[in-house]
C-alpha cells in the first residue's frame, strides 16, 4: 500500500526533513 507515498508527493507540497536528534 503506497497510497501515503502518492498522496504526499503528488497531492501535497509536503517536504522531507529527517534528523538525528540524539545518540545516547
PDBML (XML) file of the C-alpha atoms, coordinates in Angstrom:
<?xml version="1.0" encoding="UTF-8" ?>
<PDBx:datablock datablockName="MODEL"
   xmlns:PDBx="http://pdbml.pdb.org/schema/pdbx-v50.xsd"
   xmlns:xsi="http://www.w3.org/2001/XMLSchema-instance"
   xsi:schemaLocation="http://pdbml.pdb.org/schema/pdbx-v50.xsd pdbx-v50.xsd">
   <PDBx:atom_siteCategory>
      <PDBx:atom_site id="1">
         <PDBx:B_iso_or_equiv>0.00</PDBx:B_iso_or_equiv>
         <PDBx:Cartn_x>0.000</PDBx:Cartn_x>
         <PDBx:Cartn_y>0.000</PDBx:Cartn_y>
         <PDBx:Cartn_z>0.000</PDBx:Cartn_z>
         <PDBx:auth_asym_id>A</PDBx:auth_asym_id>
         <PDBx:auth_atom_id>CA</PDBx:auth_atom_id>
         <PDBx:auth_comp_id>UNK</PDBx:auth_comp_id>
         <PDBx:auth_seq_id>1</PDBx:auth_seq_id>
         <PDBx:group_PDB>ATOM</PDBx:group_PDB>
         <PDBx:label_alt_id xsi:nil="true" />
         <PDBx:label_asym_id>A</PDBx:label_asym_id>
         <PDBx:label_atom_id>CA</PDBx:label_atom_id>
         <PDBx:label_comp_id>UNK</PDBx:label_comp_id>
         <PDBx:label_entity_id>1</PDBx:label_entity_id>
         <PDBx:label_seq_id>1</PDBx:label_seq_id>
         <PDBx:occupancy>1.00</PDBx:occupancy>
         <PDBx:pdbx_PDB_model_num>1</PDBx:pdbx_PDB_model_num>
         <PDBx:type_symbol>C</PDBx:type_symbol>
      </PDBx:atom_site>
      <PDBx:atom_site id="2">
         <PDBx:B_iso_or_equiv>0.00</PDBx:B_iso_or_equiv>
         <PDBx:Cartn_x>1.759</PDBx:Cartn_x>
         <PDBx:Cartn_y>3.113</PDBx:Cartn_y>
         <PDBx:Cartn_z>-1.261</PDBx:Cartn_z>
         <PDBx:auth_asym_id>A</PDBx:auth_asym_id>
         <PDBx:auth_atom_id>CA</PDBx:auth_atom_id>
         <PDBx:auth_comp_id>UNK</PDBx:auth_comp_id>
         <PDBx:auth_seq_id>2</PDBx:auth_seq_id>
         <PDBx:group_PDB>ATOM</PDBx:group_PDB>
         <PDBx:label_alt_id xsi:nil="true" />
         <PDBx:label_asym_id>A</PDBx:label_asym_id>
         <PDBx:label_atom_id>CA</PDBx:label_atom_id>
         <PDBx:label_comp_id>UNK</PDBx:label_comp_id>
         <PDBx:label_entity_id>1</PDBx:label_entity_id>
         <PDBx:label_seq_id>2</PDBx:label_seq_id>
         <PDBx:occupancy>1.00</PDBx:occupancy>
         <PDBx:pdbx_PDB_model_num>1</PDBx:pdbx_PDB_model_num>
         <PDBx:type_symbol>C</PDBx:type_symbol>
      </PDBx:atom_site>
      <PDBx:atom_site id="3">
         <PDBx:B_iso_or_equiv>0.00</PDBx:B_iso_or_equiv>
         <PDBx:Cartn_x>-1.182</PDBx:Cartn_x>
         <PDBx:Cartn_y>5.498</PDBx:Cartn_y>
         <PDBx:Cartn_z>-1.049</PDBx:Cartn_z>
         <PDBx:auth_asym_id>A</PDBx:auth_asym_id>
         <PDBx:auth_atom_id>CA</PDBx:auth_atom_id>
         <PDBx:auth_comp_id>UNK</PDBx:auth_comp_id>
         <PDBx:auth_seq_id>3</PDBx:auth_seq_id>
         <PDBx:group_PDB>ATOM</PDBx:group_PDB>
         <PDBx:label_alt_id xsi:nil="true" />
         <PDBx:label_asym_id>A</PDBx:label_asym_id>
         <PDBx:label_atom_id>CA</PDBx:label_atom_id>
         <PDBx:label_comp_id>UNK</PDBx:label_comp_id>
         <PDBx:label_entity_id>1</PDBx:label_entity_id>
         <PDBx:label_seq_id>3</PDBx:label_seq_id>
         <PDBx:occupancy>1.00</PDBx:occupancy>
         <PDBx:pdbx_PDB_model_num>1</PDBx:pdbx_PDB_model_num>
         <PDBx:type_symbol>C</PDBx:type_symbol>
      </PDBx:atom_site>
      <PDBx:atom_site id="4">
         <PDBx:B_iso_or_equiv>0.00</PDBx:B_iso_or_equiv>
         <PDBx:Cartn_x>0.642</PDBx:Cartn_x>
         <PDBx:Cartn_y>7.546</PDBx:Cartn_y>
         <PDBx:Cartn_z>1.612</PDBx:Cartn_z>
         <PDBx:auth_asym_id>A</PDBx:auth_asym_id>
         <PDBx:auth_atom_id>CA</PDBx:auth_atom_id>
         <PDBx:auth_comp_id>UNK</PDBx:auth_comp_id>
         <PDBx:auth_seq_id>4</PDBx:auth_seq_id>
         <PDBx:group_PDB>ATOM</PDBx:group_PDB>
         <PDBx:label_alt_id xsi:nil="true" />
         <PDBx:label_asym_id>A</PDBx:label_asym_id>
         <PDBx:label_atom_id>CA</PDBx:label_atom_id>
         <PDBx:label_comp_id>UNK</PDBx:label_comp_id>
         <PDBx:label_entity_id>1</PDBx:label_entity_id>
         <PDBx:label_seq_id>4</PDBx:label_seq_id>
         <PDBx:occupancy>1.00</PDBx:occupancy>
         <PDBx:pdbx_PDB_model_num>1</PDBx:pdbx_PDB_model_num>
         <PDBx:type_symbol>C</PDBx:type_symbol>
      </PDBx:atom_site>
      <PDBx:atom_site id="5">
         <PDBx:B_iso_or_equiv>0.00</PDBx:B_iso_or_equiv>
         <PDBx:Cartn_x>3.560</PDBx:Cartn_x>
         <PDBx:Cartn_y>7.981</PDBx:Cartn_y>
         <PDBx:Cartn_z>-0.813</PDBx:Cartn_z>
         <PDBx:auth_asym_id>A</PDBx:auth_asym_id>
         <PDBx:auth_atom_id>CA</PDBx:auth_atom_id>
         <PDBx:auth_comp_id>UNK</PDBx:auth_comp_id>
         <PDBx:auth_seq_id>5</PDBx:auth_seq_id>
         <PDBx:group_PDB>ATOM</PDBx:group_PDB>
         <PDBx:label_alt_id xsi:nil="true" />
         <PDBx:label_asym_id>A</PDBx:label_asym_id>
         <PDBx:label_atom_id>CA</PDBx:label_atom_id>
         <PDBx:label_comp_id>UNK</PDBx:label_comp_id>
         <PDBx:label_entity_id>1</PDBx:label_entity_id>
         <PDBx:label_seq_id>5</PDBx:label_seq_id>
         <PDBx:occupancy>1.00</PDBx:occupancy>
         <PDBx:pdbx_PDB_model_num>1</PDBx:pdbx_PDB_model_num>
         <PDBx:type_symbol>C</PDBx:type_symbol>
      </PDBx:atom_site>
      <PDBx:atom_site id="6">
         <PDBx:B_iso_or_equiv>0.00</PDBx:B_iso_or_equiv>
         <PDBx:Cartn_x>1.495</PDBx:Cartn_x>
         <PDBx:Cartn_y>9.102</PDBx:Cartn_y>
         <PDBx:Cartn_z>-3.808</PDBx:Cartn_z>
         <PDBx:auth_asym_id>A</PDBx:auth_asym_id>
         <PDBx:auth_atom_id>CA</PDBx:auth_atom_id>
         <PDBx:auth_comp_id>UNK</PDBx:auth_comp_id>
         <PDBx:auth_seq_id>6</PDBx:auth_seq_id>
         <PDBx:group_PDB>ATOM</PDBx:group_PDB>
         <PDBx:label_alt_id xsi:nil="true" />
         <PDBx:label_asym_id>A</PDBx:label_asym_id>
         <PDBx:label_atom_id>CA</PDBx:label_atom_id>
         <PDBx:label_comp_id>UNK</PDBx:label_comp_id>
         <PDBx:label_entity_id>1</PDBx:label_entity_id>
         <PDBx:label_seq_id>6</PDBx:label_seq_id>
         <PDBx:occupancy>1.00</PDBx:occupancy>
         <PDBx:pdbx_PDB_model_num>1</PDBx:pdbx_PDB_model_num>
         <PDBx:type_symbol>C</PDBx:type_symbol>
      </PDBx:atom_site>
      <PDBx:atom_site id="7">
         <PDBx:B_iso_or_equiv>0.00</PDBx:B_iso_or_equiv>
         <PDBx:Cartn_x>-0.628</PDBx:Cartn_x>
         <PDBx:Cartn_y>11.373</PDBx:Cartn_y>
         <PDBx:Cartn_z>-1.629</PDBx:Cartn_z>
         <PDBx:auth_asym_id>A</PDBx:auth_asym_id>
         <PDBx:auth_atom_id>CA</PDBx:auth_atom_id>
         <PDBx:auth_comp_id>UNK</PDBx:auth_comp_id>
         <PDBx:auth_seq_id>7</PDBx:auth_seq_id>
         <PDBx:group_PDB>ATOM</PDBx:group_PDB>
         <PDBx:label_alt_id xsi:nil="true" />
         <PDBx:label_asym_id>A</PDBx:label_asym_id>
         <PDBx:label_atom_id>CA</PDBx:label_atom_id>
         <PDBx:label_comp_id>UNK</PDBx:label_comp_id>
         <PDBx:label_entity_id>1</PDBx:label_entity_id>
         <PDBx:label_seq_id>7</PDBx:label_seq_id>
         <PDBx:occupancy>1.00</PDBx:occupancy>
         <PDBx:pdbx_PDB_model_num>1</PDBx:pdbx_PDB_model_num>
         <PDBx:type_symbol>C</PDBx:type_symbol>
      </PDBx:atom_site>
      <PDBx:atom_site id="8">
         <PDBx:B_iso_or_equiv>0.00</PDBx:B_iso_or_equiv>
         <PDBx:Cartn_x>2.417</PDBx:Cartn_x>
         <PDBx:Cartn_y>13.046</PDBx:Cartn_y>
         <PDBx:Cartn_z>-0.071</PDBx:Cartn_z>
         <PDBx:auth_asym_id>A</PDBx:auth_asym_id>
         <PDBx:auth_atom_id>CA</PDBx:auth_atom_id>
         <PDBx:auth_comp_id>UNK</PDBx:auth_comp_id>
         <PDBx:auth_seq_id>8</PDBx:auth_seq_id>
         <PDBx:group_PDB>ATOM</PDBx:group_PDB>
         <PDBx:label_alt_id xsi:nil="true" />
         <PDBx:label_asym_id>A</PDBx:label_asym_id>
         <PDBx:label_atom_id>CA</PDBx:label_atom_id>
         <PDBx:label_comp_id>UNK</PDBx:label_comp_id>
         <PDBx:label_entity_id>1</PDBx:label_entity_id>
         <PDBx:label_seq_id>8</PDBx:label_seq_id>
         <PDBx:occupancy>1.00</PDBx:occupancy>
         <PDBx:pdbx_PDB_model_num>1</PDBx:pdbx_PDB_model_num>
         <PDBx:type_symbol>C</PDBx:type_symbol>
      </PDBx:atom_site>
      <PDBx:atom_site id="9">
         <PDBx:B_iso_or_equiv>0.00</PDBx:B_iso_or_equiv>
         <PDBx:Cartn_x>4.454</PDBx:Cartn_x>
         <PDBx:Cartn_y>13.679</PDBx:Cartn_y>
         <PDBx:Cartn_z>-3.184</PDBx:Cartn_z>
         <PDBx:auth_asym_id>A</PDBx:auth_asym_id>
         <PDBx:auth_atom_id>CA</PDBx:auth_atom_id>
         <PDBx:auth_comp_id>UNK</PDBx:auth_comp_id>
         <PDBx:auth_seq_id>9</PDBx:auth_seq_id>
         <PDBx:group_PDB>ATOM</PDBx:group_PDB>
         <PDBx:label_alt_id xsi:nil="true" />
         <PDBx:label_asym_id>A</PDBx:label_asym_id>
         <PDBx:label_atom_id>CA</PDBx:label_atom_id>
         <PDBx:label_comp_id>UNK</PDBx:label_comp_id>
         <PDBx:label_entity_id>1</PDBx:label_entity_id>
         <PDBx:label_seq_id>9</PDBx:label_seq_id>
         <PDBx:occupancy>1.00</PDBx:occupancy>
         <PDBx:pdbx_PDB_model_num>1</PDBx:pdbx_PDB_model_num>
         <PDBx:type_symbol>C</PDBx:type_symbol>
      </PDBx:atom_site>
      <PDBx:atom_site id="10">
         <PDBx:B_iso_or_equiv>0.00</PDBx:B_iso_or_equiv>
         <PDBx:Cartn_x>1.750</PDBx:Cartn_x>
         <PDBx:Cartn_y>14.304</PDBx:Cartn_y>
         <PDBx:Cartn_z>-5.809</PDBx:Cartn_z>
         <PDBx:auth_asym_id>A</PDBx:auth_asym_id>
         <PDBx:auth_atom_id>CA</PDBx:auth_atom_id>
         <PDBx:auth_comp_id>UNK</PDBx:auth_comp_id>
         <PDBx:auth_seq_id>10</PDBx:auth_seq_id>
         <PDBx:group_PDB>ATOM</PDBx:group_PDB>
         <PDBx:label_alt_id xsi:nil="true" />
         <PDBx:label_asym_id>A</PDBx:label_asym_id>
         <PDBx:label_atom_id>CA</PDBx:label_atom_id>
         <PDBx:label_comp_id>UNK</PDBx:label_comp_id>
         <PDBx:label_entity_id>1</PDBx:label_entity_id>
         <PDBx:label_seq_id>10</PDBx:label_seq_id>
         <PDBx:occupancy>1.00</PDBx:occupancy>
         <PDBx:pdbx_PDB_model_num>1</PDBx:pdbx_PDB_model_num>
         <PDBx:type_symbol>C</PDBx:type_symbol>
      </PDBx:atom_site>
      <PDBx:atom_site id="11">
         <PDBx:B_iso_or_equiv>0.00</PDBx:B_iso_or_equiv>
         <PDBx:Cartn_x>-1.251</PDBx:Cartn_x>
         <PDBx:Cartn_y>15.745</PDBx:Cartn_y>
         <PDBx:Cartn_z>-3.995</PDBx:Cartn_z>
         <PDBx:auth_asym_id>A</PDBx:auth_asym_id>
         <PDBx:auth_atom_id>CA</PDBx:auth_atom_id>
         <PDBx:auth_comp_id>UNK</PDBx:auth_comp_id>
         <PDBx:auth_seq_id>11</PDBx:auth_seq_id>
         <PDBx:group_PDB>ATOM</PDBx:group_PDB>
         <PDBx:label_alt_id xsi:nil="true" />
         <PDBx:label_asym_id>A</PDBx:label_asym_id>
         <PDBx:label_atom_id>CA</PDBx:label_atom_id>
         <PDBx:label_comp_id>UNK</PDBx:label_comp_id>
         <PDBx:label_entity_id>1</PDBx:label_entity_id>
         <PDBx:label_seq_id>11</PDBx:label_seq_id>
         <PDBx:occupancy>1.00</PDBx:occupancy>
         <PDBx:pdbx_PDB_model_num>1</PDBx:pdbx_PDB_model_num>
         <PDBx:type_symbol>C</PDBx:type_symbol>
      </PDBx:atom_site>
      <PDBx:atom_site id="12">
         <PDBx:B_iso_or_equiv>0.00</PDBx:B_iso_or_equiv>
         <PDBx:Cartn_x>0.562</PDBx:Cartn_x>
         <PDBx:Cartn_y>17.984</PDBx:Cartn_y>
         <PDBx:Cartn_z>-1.483</PDBx:Cartn_z>
         <PDBx:auth_asym_id>A</PDBx:auth_asym_id>
         <PDBx:auth_atom_id>CA</PDBx:auth_atom_id>
         <PDBx:auth_comp_id>UNK</PDBx:auth_comp_id>
         <PDBx:auth_seq_id>12</PDBx:auth_seq_id>
         <PDBx:group_PDB>ATOM</PDBx:group_PDB>
         <PDBx:label_alt_id xsi:nil="true" />
         <PDBx:label_asym_id>A</PDBx:label_asym_id>
         <PDBx:label_atom_id>CA</PDBx:label_atom_id>
         <PDBx:label_comp_id>UNK</PDBx:label_comp_id>
         <PDBx:label_entity_id>1</PDBx:label_entity_id>
         <PDBx:label_seq_id>12</PDBx:label_seq_id>
         <PDBx:occupancy>1.00</PDBx:occupancy>
         <PDBx:pdbx_PDB_model_num>1</PDBx:pdbx_PDB_model_num>
         <PDBx:type_symbol>C</PDBx:type_symbol>
      </PDBx:atom_site>
      <PDBx:atom_site id="13">
         <PDBx:B_iso_or_equiv>0.00</PDBx:B_iso_or_equiv>
         <PDBx:Cartn_x>3.671</PDBx:Cartn_x>
         <PDBx:Cartn_y>20.161</PDBx:Cartn_y>
         <PDBx:Cartn_z>-1.295</PDBx:Cartn_z>
         <PDBx:auth_asym_id>A</PDBx:auth_asym_id>
         <PDBx:auth_atom_id>CA</PDBx:auth_atom_id>
         <PDBx:auth_comp_id>UNK</PDBx:auth_comp_id>
         <PDBx:auth_seq_id>13</PDBx:auth_seq_id>
         <PDBx:group_PDB>ATOM</PDBx:group_PDB>
         <PDBx:label_alt_id xsi:nil="true" />
         <PDBx:label_asym_id>A</PDBx:label_asym_id>
         <PDBx:label_atom_id>CA</PDBx:label_atom_id>
         <PDBx:label_comp_id>UNK</PDBx:label_comp_id>
         <PDBx:label_entity_id>1</PDBx:label_entity_id>
         <PDBx:label_seq_id>13</PDBx:label_seq_id>
         <PDBx:occupancy>1.00</PDBx:occupancy>
         <PDBx:pdbx_PDB_model_num>1</PDBx:pdbx_PDB_model_num>
         <PDBx:type_symbol>C</PDBx:type_symbol>
      </PDBx:atom_site>
      <PDBx:atom_site id="14">
         <PDBx:B_iso_or_equiv>0.00</PDBx:B_iso_or_equiv>
         <PDBx:Cartn_x>4.928</PDBx:Cartn_x>
         <PDBx:Cartn_y>18.495</PDBx:Cartn_y>
         <PDBx:Cartn_z>1.886</PDBx:Cartn_z>
         <PDBx:auth_asym_id>A</PDBx:auth_asym_id>
         <PDBx:auth_atom_id>CA</PDBx:auth_atom_id>
         <PDBx:auth_comp_id>UNK</PDBx:auth_comp_id>
         <PDBx:auth_seq_id>14</PDBx:auth_seq_id>
         <PDBx:group_PDB>ATOM</PDBx:group_PDB>
         <PDBx:label_alt_id xsi:nil="true" />
         <PDBx:label_asym_id>A</PDBx:label_asym_id>
         <PDBx:label_atom_id>CA</PDBx:label_atom_id>
         <PDBx:label_comp_id>UNK</PDBx:label_comp_id>
         <PDBx:label_entity_id>1</PDBx:label_entity_id>
         <PDBx:label_seq_id>14</PDBx:label_seq_id>
         <PDBx:occupancy>1.00</PDBx:occupancy>
         <PDBx:pdbx_PDB_model_num>1</PDBx:pdbx_PDB_model_num>
         <PDBx:type_symbol>C</PDBx:type_symbol>
      </PDBx:atom_site>
      <PDBx:atom_site id="15">
         <PDBx:B_iso_or_equiv>0.00</PDBx:B_iso_or_equiv>
         <PDBx:Cartn_x>8.715</PDBx:Cartn_x>
         <PDBx:Cartn_y>18.410</PDBx:Cartn_y>
         <PDBx:Cartn_z>2.187</PDBx:Cartn_z>
         <PDBx:auth_asym_id>A</PDBx:auth_asym_id>
         <PDBx:auth_atom_id>CA</PDBx:auth_atom_id>
         <PDBx:auth_comp_id>UNK</PDBx:auth_comp_id>
         <PDBx:auth_seq_id>15</PDBx:auth_seq_id>
         <PDBx:group_PDB>ATOM</PDBx:group_PDB>
         <PDBx:label_alt_id xsi:nil="true" />
         <PDBx:label_asym_id>A</PDBx:label_asym_id>
         <PDBx:label_atom_id>CA</PDBx:label_atom_id>
         <PDBx:label_comp_id>UNK</PDBx:label_comp_id>
         <PDBx:label_entity_id>1</PDBx:label_entity_id>
         <PDBx:label_seq_id>15</PDBx:label_seq_id>
         <PDBx:occupancy>1.00</PDBx:occupancy>
         <PDBx:pdbx_PDB_model_num>1</PDBx:pdbx_PDB_model_num>
         <PDBx:type_symbol>C</PDBx:type_symbol>
      </PDBx:atom_site>
      <PDBx:atom_site id="16">
         <PDBx:B_iso_or_equiv>0.00</PDBx:B_iso_or_equiv>
         <PDBx:Cartn_x>11.077</PDBx:Cartn_x>
         <PDBx:Cartn_y>15.993</PDBx:Cartn_y>
         <PDBx:Cartn_z>3.927</PDBx:Cartn_z>
         <PDBx:auth_asym_id>A</PDBx:auth_asym_id>
         <PDBx:auth_atom_id>CA</PDBx:auth_atom_id>
         <PDBx:auth_comp_id>UNK</PDBx:auth_comp_id>
         <PDBx:auth_seq_id>16</PDBx:auth_seq_id>
         <PDBx:group_PDB>ATOM</PDBx:group_PDB>
         <PDBx:label_alt_id xsi:nil="true" />
         <PDBx:label_asym_id>A</PDBx:label_asym_id>
         <PDBx:label_atom_id>CA</PDBx:label_atom_id>
         <PDBx:label_comp_id>UNK</PDBx:label_comp_id>
         <PDBx:label_entity_id>1</PDBx:label_entity_id>
         <PDBx:label_seq_id>16</PDBx:label_seq_id>
         <PDBx:occupancy>1.00</PDBx:occupancy>
         <PDBx:pdbx_PDB_model_num>1</PDBx:pdbx_PDB_model_num>
         <PDBx:type_symbol>C</PDBx:type_symbol>
      </PDBx:atom_site>
      <PDBx:atom_site id="17">
         <PDBx:B_iso_or_equiv>0.00</PDBx:B_iso_or_equiv>
         <PDBx:Cartn_x>13.418</PDBx:Cartn_x>
         <PDBx:Cartn_y>16.832</PDBx:Cartn_y>
         <PDBx:Cartn_z>6.804</PDBx:Cartn_z>
         <PDBx:auth_asym_id>A</PDBx:auth_asym_id>
         <PDBx:auth_atom_id>CA</PDBx:auth_atom_id>
         <PDBx:auth_comp_id>UNK</PDBx:auth_comp_id>
         <PDBx:auth_seq_id>17</PDBx:auth_seq_id>
         <PDBx:group_PDB>ATOM</PDBx:group_PDB>
         <PDBx:label_alt_id xsi:nil="true" />
         <PDBx:label_asym_id>A</PDBx:label_asym_id>
         <PDBx:label_atom_id>CA</PDBx:label_atom_id>
         <PDBx:label_comp_id>UNK</PDBx:label_comp_id>
         <PDBx:label_entity_id>1</PDBx:label_entity_id>
         <PDBx:label_seq_id>17</PDBx:label_seq_id>
         <PDBx:occupancy>1.00</PDBx:occupancy>
         <PDBx:pdbx_PDB_model_num>1</PDBx:pdbx_PDB_model_num>
         <PDBx:type_symbol>C</PDBx:type_symbol>
      </PDBx:atom_site>
      <PDBx:atom_site id="18">
         <PDBx:B_iso_or_equiv>0.00</PDBx:B_iso_or_equiv>
         <PDBx:Cartn_x>14.548</PDBx:Cartn_x>
         <PDBx:Cartn_y>13.841</PDBx:Cartn_y>
         <PDBx:Cartn_z>8.858</PDBx:Cartn_z>
         <PDBx:auth_asym_id>A</PDBx:auth_asym_id>
         <PDBx:auth_atom_id>CA</PDBx:auth_atom_id>
         <PDBx:auth_comp_id>UNK</PDBx:auth_comp_id>
         <PDBx:auth_seq_id>18</PDBx:auth_seq_id>
         <PDBx:group_PDB>ATOM</PDBx:group_PDB>
         <PDBx:label_alt_id xsi:nil="true" />
         <PDBx:label_asym_id>A</PDBx:label_asym_id>
         <PDBx:label_atom_id>CA</PDBx:label_atom_id>
         <PDBx:label_comp_id>UNK</PDBx:label_comp_id>
         <PDBx:label_entity_id>1</PDBx:label_entity_id>
         <PDBx:label_seq_id>18</PDBx:label_seq_id>
         <PDBx:occupancy>1.00</PDBx:occupancy>
         <PDBx:pdbx_PDB_model_num>1</PDBx:pdbx_PDB_model_num>
         <PDBx:type_symbol>C</PDBx:type_symbol>
      </PDBx:atom_site>
      <PDBx:atom_site id="19">
         <PDBx:B_iso_or_equiv>0.00</PDBx:B_iso_or_equiv>
         <PDBx:Cartn_x>17.207</PDBx:Cartn_x>
         <PDBx:Cartn_y>14.465</PDBx:Cartn_y>
         <PDBx:Cartn_z>11.510</PDBx:Cartn_z>
         <PDBx:auth_asym_id>A</PDBx:auth_asym_id>
         <PDBx:auth_atom_id>CA</PDBx:auth_atom_id>
         <PDBx:auth_comp_id>UNK</PDBx:auth_comp_id>
         <PDBx:auth_seq_id>19</PDBx:auth_seq_id>
         <PDBx:group_PDB>ATOM</PDBx:group_PDB>
         <PDBx:label_alt_id xsi:nil="true" />
         <PDBx:label_asym_id>A</PDBx:label_asym_id>
         <PDBx:label_atom_id>CA</PDBx:label_atom_id>
         <PDBx:label_comp_id>UNK</PDBx:label_comp_id>
         <PDBx:label_entity_id>1</PDBx:label_entity_id>
         <PDBx:label_seq_id>19</PDBx:label_seq_id>
         <PDBx:occupancy>1.00</PDBx:occupancy>
         <PDBx:pdbx_PDB_model_num>1</PDBx:pdbx_PDB_model_num>
         <PDBx:type_symbol>C</PDBx:type_symbol>
      </PDBx:atom_site>
      <PDBx:atom_site id="20">
         <PDBx:B_iso_or_equiv>0.00</PDBx:B_iso_or_equiv>
         <PDBx:Cartn_x>19.214</PDBx:Cartn_x>
         <PDBx:Cartn_y>12.590</PDBx:Cartn_y>
         <PDBx:Cartn_z>14.113</PDBx:Cartn_z>
         <PDBx:auth_asym_id>A</PDBx:auth_asym_id>
         <PDBx:auth_atom_id>CA</PDBx:auth_atom_id>
         <PDBx:auth_comp_id>UNK</PDBx:auth_comp_id>
         <PDBx:auth_seq_id>20</PDBx:auth_seq_id>
         <PDBx:group_PDB>ATOM</PDBx:group_PDB>
         <PDBx:label_alt_id xsi:nil="true" />
         <PDBx:label_asym_id>A</PDBx:label_asym_id>
         <PDBx:label_atom_id>CA</PDBx:label_atom_id>
         <PDBx:label_comp_id>UNK</PDBx:label_comp_id>
         <PDBx:label_entity_id>1</PDBx:label_entity_id>
         <PDBx:label_seq_id>20</PDBx:label_seq_id>
         <PDBx:occupancy>1.00</PDBx:occupancy>
         <PDBx:pdbx_PDB_model_num>1</PDBx:pdbx_PDB_model_num>
         <PDBx:type_symbol>C</PDBx:type_symbol>
      </PDBx:atom_site>
      <PDBx:atom_site id="21">
         <PDBx:B_iso_or_equiv>0.00</PDBx:B_iso_or_equiv>
         <PDBx:Cartn_x>18.179</PDBx:Cartn_x>
         <PDBx:Cartn_y>14.205</PDBx:Cartn_y>
         <PDBx:Cartn_z>17.398</PDBx:Cartn_z>
         <PDBx:auth_asym_id>A</PDBx:auth_asym_id>
         <PDBx:auth_atom_id>CA</PDBx:auth_atom_id>
         <PDBx:auth_comp_id>UNK</PDBx:auth_comp_id>
         <PDBx:auth_seq_id>21</PDBx:auth_seq_id>
         <PDBx:group_PDB>ATOM</PDBx:group_PDB>
         <PDBx:label_alt_id xsi:nil="true" />
         <PDBx:label_asym_id>A</PDBx:label_asym_id>
         <PDBx:label_atom_id>CA</PDBx:label_atom_id>
         <PDBx:label_comp_id>UNK</PDBx:label_comp_id>
         <PDBx:label_entity_id>1</PDBx:label_entity_id>
         <PDBx:label_seq_id>21</PDBx:label_seq_id>
         <PDBx:occupancy>1.00</PDBx:occupancy>
         <PDBx:pdbx_PDB_model_num>1</PDBx:pdbx_PDB_model_num>
         <PDBx:type_symbol>C</PDBx:type_symbol>
      </PDBx:atom_site>
      <PDBx:atom_site id="22">
         <PDBx:B_iso_or_equiv>0.00</PDBx:B_iso_or_equiv>
         <PDBx:Cartn_x>20.447</PDBx:Cartn_x>
         <PDBx:Cartn_y>12.290</PDBx:Cartn_y>
         <PDBx:Cartn_z>19.723</PDBx:Cartn_z>
         <PDBx:auth_asym_id>A</PDBx:auth_asym_id>
         <PDBx:auth_atom_id>CA</PDBx:auth_atom_id>
         <PDBx:auth_comp_id>UNK</PDBx:auth_comp_id>
         <PDBx:auth_seq_id>22</PDBx:auth_seq_id>
         <PDBx:group_PDB>ATOM</PDBx:group_PDB>
         <PDBx:label_alt_id xsi:nil="true" />
         <PDBx:label_asym_id>A</PDBx:label_asym_id>
         <PDBx:label_atom_id>CA</PDBx:label_atom_id>
         <PDBx:label_comp_id>UNK</PDBx:label_comp_id>
         <PDBx:label_entity_id>1</PDBx:label_entity_id>
         <PDBx:label_seq_id>22</PDBx:label_seq_id>
         <PDBx:occupancy>1.00</PDBx:occupancy>
         <PDBx:pdbx_PDB_model_num>1</PDBx:pdbx_PDB_model_num>
         <PDBx:type_symbol>C</PDBx:type_symbol>
      </PDBx:atom_site>
      <PDBx:atom_site id="23">
         <PDBx:B_iso_or_equiv>0.00</PDBx:B_iso_or_equiv>
         <PDBx:Cartn_x>22.663</PDBx:Cartn_x>
         <PDBx:Cartn_y>9.227</PDBx:Cartn_y>
         <PDBx:Cartn_z>20.173</PDBx:Cartn_z>
         <PDBx:auth_asym_id>A</PDBx:auth_asym_id>
         <PDBx:auth_atom_id>CA</PDBx:auth_atom_id>
         <PDBx:auth_comp_id>UNK</PDBx:auth_comp_id>
         <PDBx:auth_seq_id>23</PDBx:auth_seq_id>
         <PDBx:group_PDB>ATOM</PDBx:group_PDB>
         <PDBx:label_alt_id xsi:nil="true" />
         <PDBx:label_asym_id>A</PDBx:label_asym_id>
         <PDBx:label_atom_id>CA</PDBx:label_atom_id>
         <PDBx:label_comp_id>UNK</PDBx:label_comp_id>
         <PDBx:label_entity_id>1</PDBx:label_entity_id>
         <PDBx:label_seq_id>23</PDBx:label_seq_id>
         <PDBx:occupancy>1.00</PDBx:occupancy>
         <PDBx:pdbx_PDB_model_num>1</PDBx:pdbx_PDB_model_num>
         <PDBx:type_symbol>C</PDBx:type_symbol>
      </PDBx:atom_site>
      <PDBx:atom_site id="24">
         <PDBx:B_iso_or_equiv>0.00</PDBx:B_iso_or_equiv>
         <PDBx:Cartn_x>22.907</PDBx:Cartn_x>
         <PDBx:Cartn_y>8.217</PDBx:Cartn_y>
         <PDBx:Cartn_z>23.848</PDBx:Cartn_z>
         <PDBx:auth_asym_id>A</PDBx:auth_asym_id>
         <PDBx:auth_atom_id>CA</PDBx:auth_atom_id>
         <PDBx:auth_comp_id>UNK</PDBx:auth_comp_id>
         <PDBx:auth_seq_id>24</PDBx:auth_seq_id>
         <PDBx:group_PDB>ATOM</PDBx:group_PDB>
         <PDBx:label_alt_id xsi:nil="true" />
         <PDBx:label_asym_id>A</PDBx:label_asym_id>
         <PDBx:label_atom_id>CA</PDBx:label_atom_id>
         <PDBx:label_comp_id>UNK</PDBx:label_comp_id>
         <PDBx:label_entity_id>1</PDBx:label_entity_id>
         <PDBx:label_seq_id>24</PDBx:label_seq_id>
         <PDBx:occupancy>1.00</PDBx:occupancy>
         <PDBx:pdbx_PDB_model_num>1</PDBx:pdbx_PDB_model_num>
         <PDBx:type_symbol>C</PDBx:type_symbol>
      </PDBx:atom_site>
   </PDBx:atom_siteCategory>
</PDBx:datablock>
